[in-house]
Amino acid sequence: MSHRRPARTTFPSSPRSQRGLTLIGLLFWGGVIAVVAVIGMKVFPTVLEYYTVQRVVDRIAAGNPATVPQVRQEFDKARQVEYSIQSISGGDLVVTKDGSDKVVIEFAWDREIDLFGPVYLMIKYRGKSR
């Protein structure tokens, strides 16, 4: 014969012991998530542009072009193909050679992103070929 214990049900003794999200808390966190999402959607294209410029500059530097005008011309050709590059042109590149006669291409630009009203986000992009 087996002995069974009766099932025990417990109820919270008071509403204070219950855990959960209030309506005000839900609205607050929903607002925070919405603001972060809007900022992210405005910043993402500029970050994508930076990585595209970095990739193009690395590819050009790997070819070790002979002259500065050739570097700028190749960048401008790539700019026509890569629709995301809008903030910089071939004339904005700084082209030097390091000690081993390897071409080093540096670039920089600033981007202002209008968030809301008089509030802007300023991002300074800087990079050089690897």
Protein backbone atom coordinates (compact mmCIF):
# COMPACT_ATOMS: atom_id res chain seq x y z
CA MET A 1 0.00 0.00 0.00
CA SER A 2 1.48 3.30 -0.99
CA HIS A 3 1.16 6.39 1.05
CA ARG A 4 0.42 9.52 -0.89
CA ARG A 5 0.67 12.96 0.40
CA PRO A 6 -2.11 15.31 -0.50
CA ALA A 7 -1.16 17.88 -3.12
CA ARG A 8 -0.28 21.15 -1.50
CA THR A 9 -1.25 24.34 -3.18
CA THR A 10 0.22 27.58 -2.02
CA PHE A 11 -1.10 30.97 -2.81
CA PRO A 12 0.84 34.17 -2.35
CA SER A 13 0.03 35.64 1.01
CA SER A 14 -0.17 39.14 -0.37
CA PRO A 15 0.05 40.98 -3.72
CA ARG A 16 3.46 42.31 -2.64
CA SER A 17 5.05 38.89 -2.99
CA GLN A 18 4.07 38.64 -6.65
CA ARG A 19 6.73 39.59 -9.20
CA GLY A 20 6.08 41.10 -12.59
CA LEU A 21 6.19 44.13 -14.82
CA THR A 22 3.86 47.01 -14.19
CA LEU A 23 2.21 48.97 -16.97
CA ILE A 24 4.43 51.98 -16.21
CA GLY A 25 7.51 49.75 -16.32
CA LEU A 26 6.38 48.25 -19.62
CA LEU A 27 5.88 51.71 -21.15
CA PHE A 28 9.25 52.91 -19.84
CA TRP A 29 11.22 49.95 -21.23
CA GLY A 30 9.26 50.09 -24.49
CA GLY A 31 10.26 53.77 -24.87
CA VAL A 32 13.92 53.01 -24.10
CA ILE A 33 13.99 50.18 -26.66
CA ALA A 34 12.30 52.40 -29.28
CA VAL A 35 14.85 55.23 -28.80
CA VAL A 36 17.78 52.80 -29.02
CA ALA A 37 16.30 51.21 -32.15
CA VAL A 38 15.84 54.59 -33.89
CA ILE A 39 19.41 55.65 -33.08
CA GLY A 40 20.69 52.28 -34.28
CA MET A 41 18.83 52.59 -37.57
CA LYS A 42 20.35 56.02 -38.17
CA VAL A 43 23.91 55.00 -37.22
CA PHE A 44 24.06 51.60 -38.99
CA PRO A 45 24.39 52.96 -42.58
CA THR A 46 27.36 55.15 -41.56
CA VAL A 47 29.12 52.22 -39.91
CA LEU A 48 28.48 50.14 -43.03
CA GLU A 49 29.99 52.95 -45.13
CA TYR A 50 33.12 52.98 -42.92
CA TYR A 51 33.68 49.22 -43.34
CA THR A 52 33.13 49.50 -47.10
CA VAL A 53 35.74 52.29 -47.35
CA GLN A 54 38.14 50.22 -45.22
CA ARG A 55 37.69 47.19 -47.49
CA VAL A 56 38.24 49.25 -50.67
CA VAL A 57 41.33 50.98 -49.24
CA ASP A 58 42.82 47.64 -48.14
CA ARG A 59 42.23 46.18 -51.61
CA ILE A 60 43.86 49.18 -53.33
CA ALA A 61 46.86 49.16 -50.96
CA ALA A 62 47.35 45.41 -51.51
CA GLY A 63 47.82 46.13 -55.23
CA ASN A 64 50.66 48.55 -54.32
CA PRO A 65 49.87 51.23 -56.93
CA ALA A 66 52.79 53.27 -58.25
CA THR A 67 51.45 56.82 -57.95
CA VAL A 68 49.11 58.86 -55.77
CA PRO A 69 46.82 59.80 -58.70
CA GLN A 70 46.50 56.10 -59.51
CA VAL A 71 45.35 55.40 -55.91
CA ARG A 72 42.78 58.18 -56.08
CA GLN A 73 41.55 57.08 -59.50
CA GLU A 74 41.07 53.48 -58.30
CA PHE A 75 39.19 54.71 -55.23
CA ASP A 76 36.89 56.88 -57.34
CA LYS A 77 36.16 53.90 -59.62
CA ALA A 78 35.31 51.77 -56.60
CA ARG A 79 33.15 54.61 -55.27
CA GLN A 80 31.06 54.51 -58.45
CA VAL A 81 30.44 50.79 -57.92
CA GLU A 82 29.93 50.86 -54.13
CA TYR A 83 26.77 52.89 -53.68
CA SER A 84 27.28 53.19 -49.91
CA ILE A 85 30.40 55.37 -50.17
CA GLN A 86 29.15 58.97 -50.13
CA SER A 87 31.14 60.84 -47.47
CA ILE A 88 34.61 60.61 -48.96
CA SER A 89 36.24 60.76 -52.40
CA GLY A 90 39.65 59.94 -53.83
CA GLY A 91 40.84 63.49 -53.22
CA ASP A 92 40.30 63.05 -49.47
CA LEU A 93 42.78 60.16 -49.18
CA VAL A 94 46.25 60.68 -47.71
CA VAL A 95 48.70 58.40 -49.51
CA THR A 96 52.20 57.69 -48.15
CA LYS A 97 54.79 54.93 -48.29
CA ASP A 98 56.24 53.20 -45.27
CA GLY A 99 59.87 52.11 -44.89
CA SER A 100 59.42 49.01 -47.05
CA ASP A 101 57.94 51.01 -49.99
CA LYS A 102 54.48 49.67 -49.20
CA VAL A 103 51.64 52.11 -49.93
CA VAL A 104 49.73 53.30 -46.85
CA ILE A 105 46.35 54.95 -47.48
CA GLU A 106 44.74 56.98 -44.67
CA PHE A 107 41.23 58.40 -44.62
CA ALA A 108 39.06 60.39 -42.24
CA TRP A 109 35.70 62.11 -42.18
CA ASP A 110 33.13 63.36 -39.68
CA ARG A 111 29.46 62.52 -39.83
CA GLU A 112 26.64 64.37 -38.08
CA ILE A 113 23.46 62.39 -37.56
CA ASP A 114 20.26 64.32 -36.82
CA LEU A 115 18.56 62.53 -33.93
CA PHE A 116 15.65 64.79 -32.97
CA GLY A 117 15.16 68.53 -32.67
CA PRO A 118 18.43 70.29 -31.93
CA VAL A 119 20.18 67.03 -30.91
CA TYR A 120 22.87 65.61 -33.20
CA LEU A 121 25.25 62.69 -32.89
CA MET A 122 28.78 63.38 -34.19
CA ILE A 123 30.86 60.38 -35.29
CA LYS A 124 34.49 60.76 -36.38
CA TYR A 125 35.62 57.99 -38.69
CA ARG A 126 39.37 57.42 -39.11
CA GLY A 127 41.28 54.58 -40.69
CA LYS A 128 44.22 53.43 -42.75
CA SER A 129 45.14 50.50 -44.91
CA ARG A 130 46.53 47.39 -43.30
